[in-house]
Protein backbone atom coordinates (compact mmCIF):
# COMPACT_ATOMS: atom_id res chain seq x y z
CA UNK A 1 11.08 -38.22 14.42
CA UNK A 2 13.26 -40.35 11.85
CA UNK A 3 15.02 -38.15 9.41
CA UNK A 4 17.14 -39.30 6.57
CA UNK A 5 19.81 -37.06 4.90
CA UNK A 6 21.06 -38.00 1.75
CA UNK A 7 24.00 -36.07 0.05
CA UNK A 8 27.43 -36.77 -1.02
CA UNK A 9 28.88 -33.58 0.44
CA UNK A 10 29.80 -34.68 4.31
CA UNK A 11 30.06 -30.96 4.88
CA UNK A 12 26.20 -30.52 3.93
CA UNK A 13 25.06 -33.51 5.75
CA UNK A 14 26.73 -32.45 8.86
CA UNK A 15 25.37 -28.83 8.70
CA UNK A 16 22.09 -29.99 7.90
CA UNK A 17 22.16 -32.81 10.90
CA UNK A 18 23.05 -29.93 13.37
CA UNK A 19 20.37 -27.76 12.51
CA UNK A 20 17.81 -30.62 12.45
CA UNK A 21 19.08 -31.80 15.83
CA UNK A 22 18.77 -28.46 17.13
CA UNK A 23 15.16 -27.93 15.59
CA UNK A 24 13.80 -31.48 16.41
CA UNK A 25 15.16 -32.32 19.57
CA UNK A 26 15.11 -36.06 20.10
CA UNK A 27 15.19 -36.77 16.42
CA UNK A 28 16.86 -39.77 15.07
CA UNK A 29 19.09 -38.86 12.10
CA UNK A 30 20.43 -41.23 9.42
CA UNK A 31 22.99 -40.26 6.98
CA UNK A 32 23.56 -41.54 3.64
CA UNK A 33 26.38 -40.55 1.28
CA UNK A 34 25.54 -42.53 -1.99
CA UNK A 35 22.83 -44.49 -3.63
CA UNK A 36 23.68 -47.77 -1.92
CA UNK A 37 23.60 -46.34 1.51
CA UNK A 38 20.19 -44.66 0.57
CA UNK A 39 18.50 -47.64 -0.86
CA UNK A 40 19.77 -49.68 2.49
CA UNK A 41 18.42 -47.37 4.91
CA UNK A 42 15.01 -47.01 3.18
CA UNK A 43 14.67 -50.91 2.85
CA UNK A 44 15.59 -51.03 6.68
CA UNK A 45 13.87 -48.09 8.15
CA UNK A 46 10.78 -47.44 6.08
CA UNK A 47 9.17 -44.94 8.08
CA UNK A 48 11.12 -41.93 7.78
CA UNK A 49 9.27 -38.76 8.66
CA UNK A 50 11.53 -36.78 6.51
CA UNK A 51 13.88 -37.54 3.61
CA UNK A 52 16.21 -34.79 2.53
CA UNK A 53 17.57 -35.69 -0.67
CA UNK A 54 20.47 -33.90 -2.70
CA UNK A 55 18.87 -34.32 -6.44
CA UNK A 56 22.37 -33.25 -7.50
CA UNK A 57 24.15 -36.48 -6.27
CA UNK A 58 26.41 -37.59 -9.19
CA UNK A 59 24.83 -41.16 -8.95
CA UNK A 60 21.18 -39.81 -9.37
CA UNK A 61 22.26 -37.78 -12.73
CA UNK A 62 20.61 -40.27 -15.18
CA UNK A 63 18.23 -42.04 -12.84
CA UNK A 64 14.54 -41.65 -11.93
CA UNK A 65 15.48 -41.05 -8.29
CA UNK A 66 11.69 -40.94 -7.06
CA UNK A 67 10.94 -43.97 -8.77
CA UNK A 68 14.12 -45.78 -7.45
CA UNK A 69 13.04 -44.44 -3.80
CA UNK A 70 9.42 -45.83 -4.10
CA UNK A 71 10.77 -49.22 -5.21
CA UNK A 72 13.17 -49.45 -2.37
CA UNK A 73 10.47 -48.70 -0.01
């Protein structure tokens, strides 16, 4: 299982990663702390099973986040 966690708060990312690693043993977890990392991860590894996305990330305040993700894939 491939999981992508996208959040600008490192404490949140690490806590969620810990929970997901415990819940889904063997999962490969990627982390993105900004829009650039998010789009690069989606372009490079476009078959994620789960994307946990923080819609309150400051970089997405005025963007159509879902449309951007679809374009990146």
